[in-house]
N, C-alpha and C. Protein backbone atom coordinates (compact mmCIF):
# COMPACT_ATOMS: atom_id res chain seq x y z
N ARG A 1 221.35 -134.25 -32.59
CA ARG A 1 222.44 -133.33 -32.86
C ARG A 1 223.74 -134.07 -33.13
N ARG A 2 223.97 -135.12 -32.44
CA ARG A 2 225.19 -135.88 -32.65
C ARG A 2 225.27 -136.44 -34.08
N ALA A 3 224.16 -136.91 -34.57
CA ALA A 3 224.13 -137.47 -35.92
C ALA A 3 224.40 -136.38 -36.95
N ALA A 4 223.89 -135.19 -36.73
CA ALA A 4 224.12 -134.09 -37.66
C ALA A 4 225.59 -133.70 -37.67
N ARG A 5 226.21 -133.67 -36.49
CA ARG A 5 227.64 -133.35 -36.44
C ARG A 5 228.47 -134.43 -37.13
N ARG A 6 228.05 -135.66 -36.92
CA ARG A 6 228.78 -136.77 -37.52
C ARG A 6 228.73 -136.68 -39.05
N ARG A 7 227.57 -136.33 -39.60
CA ARG A 7 227.44 -136.20 -41.05
C ARG A 7 228.25 -135.01 -41.57
N GLU A 8 228.33 -133.96 -40.80
CA GLU A 8 229.12 -132.81 -41.22
C GLU A 8 230.60 -133.13 -41.23
N ALA A 9 231.05 -134.00 -40.35
CA ALA A 9 232.47 -134.34 -40.25
C ALA A 9 232.89 -135.36 -41.30
N GLU A 10 231.95 -136.13 -41.84
CA GLU A 10 232.31 -137.18 -42.79
C GLU A 10 232.90 -136.66 -44.10
N PRO A 11 232.32 -135.65 -44.76
CA PRO A 11 232.90 -135.22 -46.04
C PRO A 11 234.36 -134.78 -45.93
N PRO A 12 234.77 -134.00 -44.92
CA PRO A 12 236.19 -133.67 -44.86
C PRO A 12 237.08 -134.90 -44.67
N ARG A 13 236.61 -135.88 -43.87
CA ARG A 13 237.40 -137.10 -43.68
C ARG A 13 237.50 -137.87 -45.00
N ARG A 14 236.38 -137.97 -45.69
CA ARG A 14 236.36 -138.68 -46.95
C ARG A 14 237.27 -137.99 -47.97
N ASN A 15 237.20 -136.68 -48.03
CA ASN A 15 238.05 -135.92 -48.95
C ASN A 15 239.52 -136.08 -48.59
N PHE A 16 239.83 -136.09 -47.30
CA PHE A 16 241.21 -136.26 -46.86
C PHE A 16 241.72 -137.65 -47.27
N GLY A 17 240.89 -138.66 -47.09
CA GLY A 17 241.27 -140.02 -47.47
C GLY A 17 241.49 -140.15 -48.97
N ALA A 18 240.63 -139.50 -49.74
CA ALA A 18 240.78 -139.53 -51.20
C ALA A 18 242.06 -138.82 -51.63
N ALA A 19 242.39 -137.73 -50.95
CA ALA A 19 243.63 -137.00 -51.27
C ALA A 19 244.85 -137.84 -50.96
N ILE A 20 244.84 -138.55 -49.84
CA ILE A 20 245.97 -139.42 -49.47
C ILE A 20 246.11 -140.54 -50.50
N ALA A 21 245.00 -141.17 -50.90
CA ALA A 21 245.05 -142.25 -51.89
C ALA A 21 245.55 -141.73 -53.23
N GLY A 22 245.12 -140.56 -53.63
CA GLY A 22 245.58 -139.97 -54.89
C GLY A 22 247.06 -139.67 -54.87
N ALA A 23 247.55 -139.13 -53.76
CA ALA A 23 248.98 -138.83 -53.64
C ALA A 23 249.80 -140.11 -53.68
N ALA A 24 249.29 -141.16 -53.04
CA ALA A 24 250.00 -142.44 -53.06
C ALA A 24 250.05 -143.00 -54.48
N GLY A 25 248.94 -142.87 -55.22
CA GLY A 25 248.92 -143.34 -56.60
C GLY A 25 249.89 -142.57 -57.48
N LEU A 26 250.01 -141.27 -57.27
CA LEU A 26 250.97 -140.47 -58.04
C LEU A 26 252.40 -140.86 -57.71
N GLY A 27 252.62 -141.23 -56.48
CA GLY A 27 253.97 -141.64 -56.08
C GLY A 27 254.40 -142.93 -56.76
N PHE A 28 253.45 -143.84 -57.00
CA PHE A 28 253.80 -145.12 -57.63
C PHE A 28 253.91 -145.02 -59.15
N ALA A 29 253.14 -144.12 -59.72
CA ALA A 29 253.13 -144.01 -61.18
C ALA A 29 254.38 -143.28 -61.66
N ARG A 30 254.92 -143.75 -62.78
CA ARG A 30 256.07 -143.11 -63.40
C ARG A 30 255.70 -142.72 -64.81
N ALA A 31 256.34 -141.71 -65.30
CA ALA A 31 256.12 -141.33 -66.69
C ALA A 31 256.79 -142.35 -67.59
N ALA A 32 256.10 -142.75 -68.65
CA ALA A 32 256.65 -143.71 -69.60
C ALA A 32 257.30 -142.94 -70.72
N ASN A 33 258.56 -142.64 -70.57
CA ASN A 33 259.27 -141.86 -71.57
C ASN A 33 259.89 -142.80 -72.60
N ALA A 34 259.68 -142.49 -73.85
CA ALA A 34 260.29 -143.27 -74.92
C ALA A 34 261.70 -142.77 -75.15
N GLU A 35 262.59 -143.69 -75.45
CA GLU A 35 263.97 -143.33 -75.74
C GLU A 35 264.25 -143.67 -77.19
N ALA A 36 264.89 -142.77 -77.88
CA ALA A 36 265.19 -142.99 -79.30
C ALA A 36 266.16 -144.15 -79.44
N GLY A 37 265.89 -145.02 -80.40
CA GLY A 37 266.79 -146.11 -80.71
C GLY A 37 266.63 -147.34 -79.84
N THR A 38 265.60 -147.40 -79.03
CA THR A 38 265.39 -148.58 -78.19
C THR A 38 264.09 -149.25 -78.57
N GLY A 39 264.05 -150.54 -78.42
CA GLY A 39 262.84 -151.30 -78.67
C GLY A 39 262.03 -151.43 -77.39
N PRO A 40 260.92 -152.15 -77.43
CA PRO A 40 260.09 -152.30 -76.25
C PRO A 40 260.75 -153.18 -75.20
N LYS A 41 260.68 -152.78 -73.95
CA LYS A 41 261.19 -153.55 -72.82
C LYS A 41 260.01 -153.88 -71.93
N PHE A 42 260.18 -154.85 -71.04
CA PHE A 42 259.04 -155.19 -70.21
C PHE A 42 259.20 -154.70 -68.78
N SER A 43 258.08 -154.50 -68.13
CA SER A 43 258.02 -154.19 -66.71
C SER A 43 256.66 -154.66 -66.23
N PHE A 44 256.45 -154.63 -64.94
CA PHE A 44 255.19 -155.07 -64.38
C PHE A 44 254.29 -153.87 -64.17
N PHE A 45 253.42 -153.62 -65.12
CA PHE A 45 252.46 -152.52 -65.10
C PHE A 45 253.13 -151.17 -64.95
N GLY A 46 254.38 -151.05 -65.30
CA GLY A 46 255.08 -149.79 -65.21
C GLY A 46 255.53 -149.43 -63.81
N LEU A 47 255.20 -150.26 -62.82
CA LEU A 47 255.55 -149.95 -61.44
C LEU A 47 256.87 -150.59 -61.03
N ILE A 48 257.02 -151.87 -61.34
CA ILE A 48 258.22 -152.60 -60.97
C ILE A 48 258.98 -152.90 -62.25
N PRO A 49 260.15 -152.30 -62.41
CA PRO A 49 260.88 -152.54 -63.65
C PRO A 49 261.38 -153.98 -63.73
N GLY A 50 261.21 -154.55 -64.91
CA GLY A 50 261.74 -155.88 -65.14
C GLY A 50 263.16 -155.76 -65.64
N SER A 51 263.57 -156.69 -66.44
CA SER A 51 264.91 -156.67 -66.99
C SER A 51 265.00 -155.54 -68.00
N GLY A 52 265.97 -154.68 -67.86
CA GLY A 52 266.13 -153.58 -68.79
C GLY A 52 266.76 -154.01 -70.09
N THR A 53 267.29 -155.23 -70.14
CA THR A 53 267.93 -155.69 -71.37
C THR A 53 267.09 -156.70 -72.13
N ALA A 54 266.11 -157.30 -71.48
CA ALA A 54 265.29 -158.31 -72.14
C ALA A 54 264.14 -157.64 -72.87
N TYR A 55 263.78 -158.21 -74.00
CA TYR A 55 262.66 -157.67 -74.76
C TYR A 55 261.35 -158.18 -74.20
N SER A 56 260.29 -157.48 -74.52
CA SER A 56 258.98 -157.90 -74.05
C SER A 56 258.59 -159.22 -74.71
N GLU A 57 257.56 -159.83 -74.17
CA GLU A 57 257.15 -161.14 -74.62
C GLU A 57 256.90 -161.16 -76.13
N ASN A 58 257.48 -162.11 -76.81
CA ASN A 58 257.35 -162.33 -78.26
C ASN A 58 258.02 -161.26 -79.11
N ALA A 59 258.62 -160.25 -78.54
CA ALA A 59 259.25 -159.22 -79.36
C ALA A 59 260.52 -159.75 -80.01
N ALA A 60 261.18 -160.71 -79.37
CA ALA A 60 262.43 -161.22 -79.91
C ALA A 60 262.26 -162.58 -80.57
N PHE A 61 261.03 -163.00 -80.80
CA PHE A 61 260.79 -164.31 -81.37
C PHE A 61 261.35 -164.39 -82.78
N GLY A 62 262.22 -165.35 -83.03
CA GLY A 62 262.76 -165.58 -84.36
C GLY A 62 263.77 -164.55 -84.82
N THR A 63 264.41 -163.84 -83.92
CA THR A 63 265.38 -162.84 -84.32
C THR A 63 266.75 -163.18 -83.76
N ASP A 64 267.75 -162.56 -84.32
CA ASP A 64 269.11 -162.70 -83.82
C ASP A 64 269.26 -161.77 -82.63
N GLN A 65 269.33 -162.32 -81.44
CA GLN A 65 269.34 -161.49 -80.25
C GLN A 65 270.71 -160.90 -79.95
N SER A 66 271.69 -161.21 -80.78
CA SER A 66 272.98 -160.55 -80.60
C SER A 66 272.93 -159.12 -81.15
N GLN A 67 271.93 -158.85 -81.99
CA GLN A 67 271.73 -157.51 -82.52
C GLN A 67 270.96 -156.68 -81.49
N PRO A 68 271.24 -155.39 -81.39
CA PRO A 68 270.56 -154.57 -80.39
C PRO A 68 269.09 -154.32 -80.69
N LEU A 69 268.65 -154.55 -81.91
CA LEU A 69 267.26 -154.28 -82.28
C LEU A 69 266.58 -155.57 -82.69
N TYR A 70 265.28 -155.60 -82.49
CA TYR A 70 264.56 -156.85 -82.70
C TYR A 70 264.03 -157.05 -84.10
N SER A 71 263.99 -156.02 -84.93
CA SER A 71 263.42 -156.19 -86.25
C SER A 71 264.05 -155.23 -87.24
N ALA A 72 264.38 -155.74 -88.40
CA ALA A 72 264.90 -154.87 -89.45
C ALA A 72 263.78 -154.00 -90.02
N TYR A 73 262.54 -154.40 -89.80
CA TYR A 73 261.39 -153.63 -90.27
C TYR A 73 260.97 -152.56 -89.28
N GLY A 74 261.49 -152.61 -88.06
CA GLY A 74 261.04 -151.72 -86.99
C GLY A 74 261.46 -150.28 -87.19
N PRO A 75 260.75 -149.38 -86.55
CA PRO A 75 261.09 -147.96 -86.68
C PRO A 75 262.38 -147.59 -85.95
N PHE A 76 262.88 -148.51 -85.12
CA PHE A 76 264.09 -148.22 -84.36
C PHE A 76 265.34 -148.73 -85.07
N SER A 77 265.17 -149.39 -86.19
CA SER A 77 266.30 -149.98 -86.91
C SER A 77 267.11 -148.90 -87.60
N PRO A 78 268.41 -148.80 -87.31
CA PRO A 78 269.22 -147.77 -87.98
C PRO A 78 269.43 -148.11 -89.45
N VAL A 79 269.49 -147.08 -90.28
CA VAL A 79 269.64 -147.31 -91.71
C VAL A 79 271.09 -147.57 -92.12
N ASP A 80 272.03 -147.36 -91.21
CA ASP A 80 273.43 -147.57 -91.57
C ASP A 80 273.90 -149.00 -91.34
N ARG A 81 273.02 -149.87 -90.87
CA ARG A 81 273.41 -151.28 -90.70
C ARG A 81 273.54 -151.92 -92.08
N PRO A 82 274.48 -152.85 -92.26
CA PRO A 82 274.62 -153.48 -93.58
C PRO A 82 273.41 -154.31 -93.98
N ASP A 83 272.67 -154.84 -93.00
CA ASP A 83 271.50 -155.65 -93.33
C ASP A 83 270.19 -154.85 -93.25
N ALA A 84 270.30 -153.53 -93.21
CA ALA A 84 269.11 -152.69 -93.14
C ALA A 84 268.31 -152.82 -94.43
N LEU A 85 267.01 -152.79 -94.31
CA LEU A 85 266.16 -152.94 -95.48
C LEU A 85 266.06 -151.67 -96.30
N TYR A 86 266.11 -150.54 -95.64
CA TYR A 86 265.99 -149.26 -96.34
C TYR A 86 267.36 -148.80 -96.78
N LYS A 87 267.51 -148.53 -98.02
CA LYS A 87 268.75 -147.99 -98.57
C LYS A 87 268.43 -146.64 -99.21
N GLN A 88 269.29 -145.69 -98.99
CA GLN A 88 269.10 -144.37 -99.59
C GLN A 88 269.25 -144.50 -101.11
N VAL A 89 268.31 -143.94 -101.84
CA VAL A 89 268.36 -144.01 -103.30
C VAL A 89 268.43 -142.60 -103.87
N ASP A 90 268.93 -142.52 -105.08
CA ASP A 90 268.99 -141.24 -105.78
C ASP A 90 267.68 -141.07 -106.54
N ASN A 91 266.88 -140.11 -106.14
CA ASN A 91 265.58 -139.89 -106.76
C ASN A 91 265.65 -138.99 -107.99
N ALA A 92 266.81 -138.46 -108.32
CA ALA A 92 266.92 -137.51 -109.43
C ALA A 92 266.39 -138.07 -110.75
N PRO A 93 266.74 -139.30 -111.16
CA PRO A 93 266.18 -139.79 -112.44
C PRO A 93 264.65 -139.88 -112.42
N PHE A 94 264.10 -140.31 -111.30
CA PHE A 94 262.64 -140.40 -111.17
C PHE A 94 262.02 -139.01 -111.24
N TYR A 95 262.62 -138.05 -110.55
CA TYR A 95 262.10 -136.68 -110.56
C TYR A 95 262.18 -136.08 -111.96
N LYS A 96 263.25 -136.36 -112.68
CA LYS A 96 263.38 -135.85 -114.05
C LYS A 96 262.30 -136.44 -114.96
N LYS A 97 261.98 -137.71 -114.75
CA LYS A 97 260.92 -138.35 -115.53
C LYS A 97 259.57 -137.70 -115.23
N LEU A 98 259.30 -137.42 -113.95
CA LEU A 98 258.05 -136.75 -113.57
C LEU A 98 257.96 -135.37 -114.20
N ILE A 99 259.06 -134.65 -114.20
CA ILE A 99 259.06 -133.31 -114.79
C ILE A 99 258.81 -133.39 -116.29
N GLY A 100 259.39 -134.39 -116.96
CA GLY A 100 259.14 -134.58 -118.39
C GLY A 100 257.68 -134.88 -118.68
N GLU A 101 257.06 -135.72 -117.87
CA GLU A 101 255.64 -136.04 -118.05
C GLU A 101 254.78 -134.81 -117.80
N SER A 102 255.12 -134.05 -116.79
CA SER A 102 254.34 -132.84 -116.48
C SER A 102 254.52 -131.78 -117.56
N GLU A 103 255.69 -131.75 -118.18
CA GLU A 103 255.93 -130.79 -119.27
C GLU A 103 255.01 -131.09 -120.45
N LYS A 104 254.78 -132.38 -120.73
CA LYS A 104 253.84 -132.75 -121.80
C LYS A 104 252.44 -132.25 -121.48
N ARG A 105 252.04 -132.43 -120.23
CA ARG A 105 250.71 -131.98 -119.82
C ARG A 105 250.61 -130.46 -119.87
N LEU A 106 251.69 -129.79 -119.49
CA LEU A 106 251.71 -128.33 -119.51
C LEU A 106 251.56 -127.81 -120.94
N GLY A 107 252.08 -128.55 -121.91
CA GLY A 107 251.97 -128.14 -123.31
C GLY A 107 250.54 -128.13 -123.83
N LYS A 108 249.66 -128.91 -123.21
CA LYS A 108 248.26 -128.97 -123.65
C LYS A 108 247.45 -127.76 -123.20
N VAL A 109 247.96 -127.03 -122.22
CA VAL A 109 247.18 -125.95 -121.61
C VAL A 109 246.92 -124.82 -122.60
N ARG A 110 247.88 -124.52 -123.48
CA ARG A 110 247.70 -123.44 -124.45
C ARG A 110 246.43 -123.68 -125.30
N GLY A 111 246.27 -124.88 -125.80
CA GLY A 111 245.09 -125.20 -126.61
C GLY A 111 243.79 -125.06 -125.82
N TYR A 112 243.83 -125.46 -124.56
CA TYR A 112 242.63 -125.33 -123.72
C TYR A 112 242.27 -123.86 -123.49
N ILE A 113 243.30 -123.02 -123.30
CA ILE A 113 243.02 -121.59 -123.10
C ILE A 113 242.47 -120.98 -124.39
N GLU A 114 243.06 -121.35 -125.54
CA GLU A 114 242.59 -120.82 -126.82
C GLU A 114 241.14 -121.22 -127.10
N LYS A 115 240.77 -122.46 -126.72
CA LYS A 115 239.41 -122.95 -126.94
C LYS A 115 238.44 -122.52 -125.83
N LYS A 116 238.99 -121.89 -124.81
CA LYS A 116 238.22 -121.46 -123.64
C LYS A 116 237.53 -122.63 -122.94
N THR A 117 238.20 -123.76 -122.90
CA THR A 117 237.70 -124.90 -122.14
C THR A 117 238.33 -124.82 -120.75
N TRP A 118 237.73 -123.99 -119.91
CA TRP A 118 238.33 -123.61 -118.63
C TRP A 118 238.45 -124.79 -117.66
N SER A 119 237.50 -125.68 -117.69
CA SER A 119 237.59 -126.83 -116.77
C SER A 119 238.78 -127.72 -117.13
N GLU A 120 239.10 -127.80 -118.42
CA GLU A 120 240.26 -128.59 -118.85
C GLU A 120 241.57 -127.95 -118.36
N VAL A 121 241.63 -126.63 -118.39
CA VAL A 121 242.82 -125.92 -117.91
C VAL A 121 243.02 -126.22 -116.43
N ILE A 122 241.96 -126.08 -115.66
CA ILE A 122 242.04 -126.31 -114.22
C ILE A 122 242.39 -127.76 -113.92
N THR A 123 241.76 -128.68 -114.64
CA THR A 123 242.04 -130.10 -114.43
C THR A 123 243.48 -130.44 -114.77
N GLU A 124 243.96 -129.92 -115.87
CA GLU A 124 245.34 -130.21 -116.29
C GLU A 124 246.35 -129.63 -115.30
N ASN A 125 246.04 -128.46 -114.76
CA ASN A 125 246.96 -127.84 -113.80
C ASN A 125 246.98 -128.56 -112.45
N THR A 126 245.91 -129.23 -112.11
CA THR A 126 245.87 -129.89 -110.81
C THR A 126 246.11 -131.39 -110.88
N ARG A 127 246.08 -131.96 -112.07
CA ARG A 127 246.18 -133.41 -112.21
C ARG A 127 247.49 -133.96 -111.67
N GLN A 128 248.61 -133.40 -112.06
CA GLN A 128 249.90 -133.91 -111.60
C GLN A 128 250.71 -132.84 -110.90
N LEU A 129 250.06 -131.81 -110.47
CA LEU A 129 250.81 -130.69 -109.89
C LEU A 129 251.50 -131.07 -108.59
N TYR A 130 250.88 -131.93 -107.78
CA TYR A 130 251.52 -132.33 -106.52
C TYR A 130 252.82 -133.07 -106.80
N SER A 131 252.78 -134.01 -107.74
CA SER A 131 253.99 -134.76 -108.09
C SER A 131 255.04 -133.84 -108.71
N LEU A 132 254.59 -132.90 -109.53
CA LEU A 132 255.53 -131.97 -110.15
C LEU A 132 256.21 -131.12 -109.09
N ARG A 133 255.45 -130.63 -108.13
CA ARG A 133 256.05 -129.82 -107.06
C ARG A 133 257.07 -130.63 -106.27
N LYS A 134 256.73 -131.87 -105.95
CA LYS A 134 257.67 -132.70 -105.19
C LYS A 134 258.95 -132.92 -106.00
N ALA A 135 258.81 -133.19 -107.27
CA ALA A 135 259.98 -133.41 -108.12
C ALA A 135 260.82 -132.15 -108.23
N MET A 136 260.17 -131.02 -108.43
CA MET A 136 260.91 -129.76 -108.56
C MET A 136 261.60 -129.40 -107.24
N ASN A 137 260.92 -129.62 -106.13
CA ASN A 137 261.53 -129.35 -104.82
C ASN A 137 262.73 -130.27 -104.60
N GLY A 138 262.61 -131.53 -104.99
CA GLY A 138 263.69 -132.49 -104.79
C GLY A 138 264.93 -132.17 -105.60
N LEU A 139 264.76 -131.69 -106.82
CA LEU A 139 265.91 -131.37 -107.67
C LEU A 139 266.52 -130.01 -107.35
N ALA A 140 265.74 -129.13 -106.72
CA ALA A 140 266.22 -127.76 -106.49
C ALA A 140 266.94 -127.58 -105.16
N VAL A 141 267.08 -128.64 -104.38
CA VAL A 141 267.70 -128.51 -103.05
C VAL A 141 269.12 -127.98 -103.19
N GLY A 142 269.39 -126.88 -102.52
CA GLY A 142 270.73 -126.29 -102.51
C GLY A 142 271.07 -125.45 -103.73
N ASN A 143 270.15 -125.28 -104.65
CA ASN A 143 270.39 -124.53 -105.88
C ASN A 143 269.51 -123.28 -105.84
N LYS A 144 270.11 -122.13 -105.55
CA LYS A 144 269.34 -120.90 -105.34
C LYS A 144 268.58 -120.48 -106.60
N ALA A 145 269.20 -120.59 -107.77
CA ALA A 145 268.53 -120.20 -109.02
C ALA A 145 267.32 -121.10 -109.27
N ALA A 146 267.47 -122.39 -109.00
CA ALA A 146 266.35 -123.32 -109.19
C ALA A 146 265.24 -123.04 -108.17
N GLU A 147 265.62 -122.70 -106.95
CA GLU A 147 264.62 -122.38 -105.92
C GLU A 147 263.78 -121.18 -106.35
N GLU A 148 264.44 -120.15 -106.85
CA GLU A 148 263.72 -118.95 -107.29
C GLU A 148 262.84 -119.24 -108.49
N ALA A 149 263.36 -120.01 -109.44
CA ALA A 149 262.59 -120.32 -110.65
C ALA A 149 261.38 -121.19 -110.33
N LYS A 150 261.53 -122.15 -109.44
CA LYS A 150 260.39 -123.01 -109.11
C LYS A 150 259.30 -122.23 -108.38
N THR A 151 259.71 -121.31 -107.50
CA THR A 151 258.72 -120.49 -106.80
C THR A 151 257.95 -119.61 -107.78
N ALA A 152 258.66 -119.02 -108.73
CA ALA A 152 258.00 -118.20 -109.75
C ALA A 152 257.06 -119.06 -110.60
N PHE A 153 257.50 -120.26 -110.95
CA PHE A 153 256.67 -121.17 -111.75
C PHE A 153 255.39 -121.53 -111.00
N TYR A 154 255.52 -121.85 -109.71
CA TYR A 154 254.33 -122.19 -108.92
C TYR A 154 253.33 -121.04 -108.91
N GLN A 155 253.83 -119.83 -108.76
CA GLN A 155 252.95 -118.66 -108.74
C GLN A 155 252.29 -118.46 -110.10
N ASP A 156 253.04 -118.73 -111.17
CA ASP A 156 252.48 -118.59 -112.52
C ASP A 156 251.36 -119.59 -112.75
N ILE A 157 251.57 -120.83 -112.36
CA ILE A 157 250.55 -121.86 -112.55
C ILE A 157 249.31 -121.54 -111.72
N GLU A 158 249.52 -121.02 -110.51
CA GLU A 158 248.38 -120.61 -109.70
C GLU A 158 247.62 -119.47 -110.37
N ALA A 159 248.35 -118.57 -111.02
CA ALA A 159 247.70 -117.46 -111.75
C ALA A 159 246.92 -117.99 -112.95
N VAL A 160 247.48 -118.97 -113.65
CA VAL A 160 246.75 -119.57 -114.79
C VAL A 160 245.44 -120.17 -114.29
N THR A 161 245.51 -120.89 -113.19
CA THR A 161 244.30 -121.50 -112.63
C THR A 161 243.30 -120.43 -112.19
N LEU A 162 243.80 -119.38 -111.56
CA LEU A 162 242.92 -118.29 -111.12
C LEU A 162 242.21 -117.64 -112.30
N TRP A 163 242.98 -117.27 -113.34
CA TRP A 163 242.37 -116.58 -114.48
C TRP A 163 241.47 -117.51 -115.28
N SER A 164 241.76 -118.80 -115.24
CA SER A 164 240.86 -119.75 -115.90
C SER A 164 239.56 -119.89 -115.13
N THR A 165 239.65 -119.82 -113.82
CA THR A 165 238.43 -119.85 -113.01
C THR A 165 237.58 -118.62 -113.27
N ARG A 166 238.24 -117.49 -113.47
CA ARG A 166 237.52 -116.23 -113.75
C ARG A 166 237.19 -116.07 -115.24
N LYS A 167 237.66 -117.02 -116.07
CA LYS A 167 237.39 -117.06 -117.51
C LYS A 167 237.90 -115.82 -118.24
N ASP A 168 239.12 -115.42 -117.87
CA ASP A 168 239.78 -114.27 -118.52
C ASP A 168 240.88 -114.84 -119.41
N GLN A 169 240.60 -114.91 -120.71
CA GLN A 169 241.51 -115.56 -121.64
C GLN A 169 242.85 -114.85 -121.75
N ALA A 170 242.85 -113.54 -121.86
CA ALA A 170 244.10 -112.78 -122.04
C ALA A 170 245.01 -112.92 -120.83
N ALA A 171 244.44 -112.79 -119.63
CA ALA A 171 245.26 -112.90 -118.42
C ALA A 171 245.76 -114.32 -118.22
N ALA A 172 244.92 -115.31 -118.54
CA ALA A 172 245.34 -116.71 -118.41
C ALA A 172 246.48 -117.03 -119.38
N MET A 173 246.38 -116.51 -120.62
CA MET A 173 247.43 -116.76 -121.60
C MET A 173 248.73 -116.07 -121.20
N ALA A 174 248.64 -114.85 -120.66
CA ALA A 174 249.85 -114.14 -120.21
C ALA A 174 250.52 -114.90 -119.07
N ALA A 175 249.73 -115.39 -118.12
CA ALA A 175 250.30 -116.16 -117.01
C ALA A 175 250.89 -117.47 -117.51
N TYR A 176 250.24 -118.07 -118.51
CA TYR A 176 250.76 -119.32 -119.08
C TYR A 176 252.10 -119.09 -119.77
N GLU A 177 252.21 -118.04 -120.56
CA GLU A 177 253.48 -117.73 -121.24
C GLU A 177 254.59 -117.48 -120.22
N LYS A 178 254.27 -116.77 -119.15
CA LYS A 178 255.26 -116.52 -118.10
C LYS A 178 255.66 -117.82 -117.41
N SER A 179 254.70 -118.72 -117.23
CA SER A 179 255.02 -120.00 -116.58
C SER A 179 255.97 -120.83 -117.44
N LEU A 180 255.82 -120.75 -118.77
CA LEU A 180 256.74 -121.48 -119.65
C LEU A 180 258.16 -120.94 -119.54
N LYS A 181 258.30 -119.61 -119.44
CA LYS A 181 259.63 -119.01 -119.29
C LYS A 181 260.26 -119.42 -117.96
N ASP A 182 259.47 -119.38 -116.89
CA ASP A 182 260.01 -119.75 -115.58
C ASP A 182 260.32 -121.25 -115.51
N PHE A 183 259.52 -122.05 -116.21
CA PHE A 183 259.79 -123.49 -116.24
C PHE A 183 261.09 -123.77 -117.00
N ALA A 184 261.31 -123.05 -118.10
CA ALA A 184 262.56 -123.20 -118.85
C ALA A 184 263.75 -122.75 -118.01
N ALA A 185 263.58 -121.68 -117.24
CA ALA A 185 264.65 -121.20 -116.35
C ALA A 185 264.96 -122.24 -115.29
N TYR A 186 263.92 -122.88 -114.76
CA TYR A 186 264.12 -123.92 -113.76
C TYR A 186 264.89 -125.10 -114.36
N LYS A 187 264.46 -125.53 -115.54
CA LYS A 187 265.11 -126.68 -116.18
C LYS A 187 266.58 -126.40 -116.45
N SER A 188 266.91 -125.21 -116.90
CA SER A 188 268.32 -124.90 -117.15
C SER A 188 269.10 -124.80 -115.84
N ALA A 189 268.44 -124.36 -114.75
CA ALA A 189 269.12 -124.26 -113.46
C ALA A 189 269.46 -125.62 -112.88
N VAL A 190 268.60 -126.62 -113.11
CA VAL A 190 268.87 -127.96 -112.57
C VAL A 190 269.56 -128.86 -113.59
N GLY A 191 269.75 -128.38 -114.81
CA GLY A 191 270.49 -129.15 -115.81
C GLY A 191 269.67 -130.20 -116.53
N ILE A 192 268.44 -129.89 -116.82
CA ILE A 192 267.61 -130.84 -117.60
C ILE A 192 267.58 -130.37 -119.04
């Protein structure tokens, strides 16, 4: 009987000991919160903080340590530093070039619809559409008329693709003609 009682008492003791050890482990562990604009710092397994100003091993190798950041390539490097690698550029000329290229491709769609080569219509509409959307979105920022025209154009192109998939020549041509008008409205709104 004594052995049976002893075995019955062991699981609660073991569970109590495990709970104490778990609570002690939670007390030592700290959350590793990242702070914006800071590079990696070192500590001893996250329990004992090391120097809050020194960089981790090899992080500052070959750098100017008078600067607050260890690398001009790093994600923490501010873009307003004079020696920053990333410089803000004006994408408008590039976007205008993309729109011009896409306009040439858009001009081919009428012939494809007339010949009922539906796969060509779908291919032409999807070939550069992602780049065209990015360019149109980039040029239309802050311009309400351009925003409305680009949205209408996107819907028109989607309708052309839909009617081409369904092989409805009249509906595809009507959507194509509407897309040309909305594209012209967009171009005049952004000044192309």
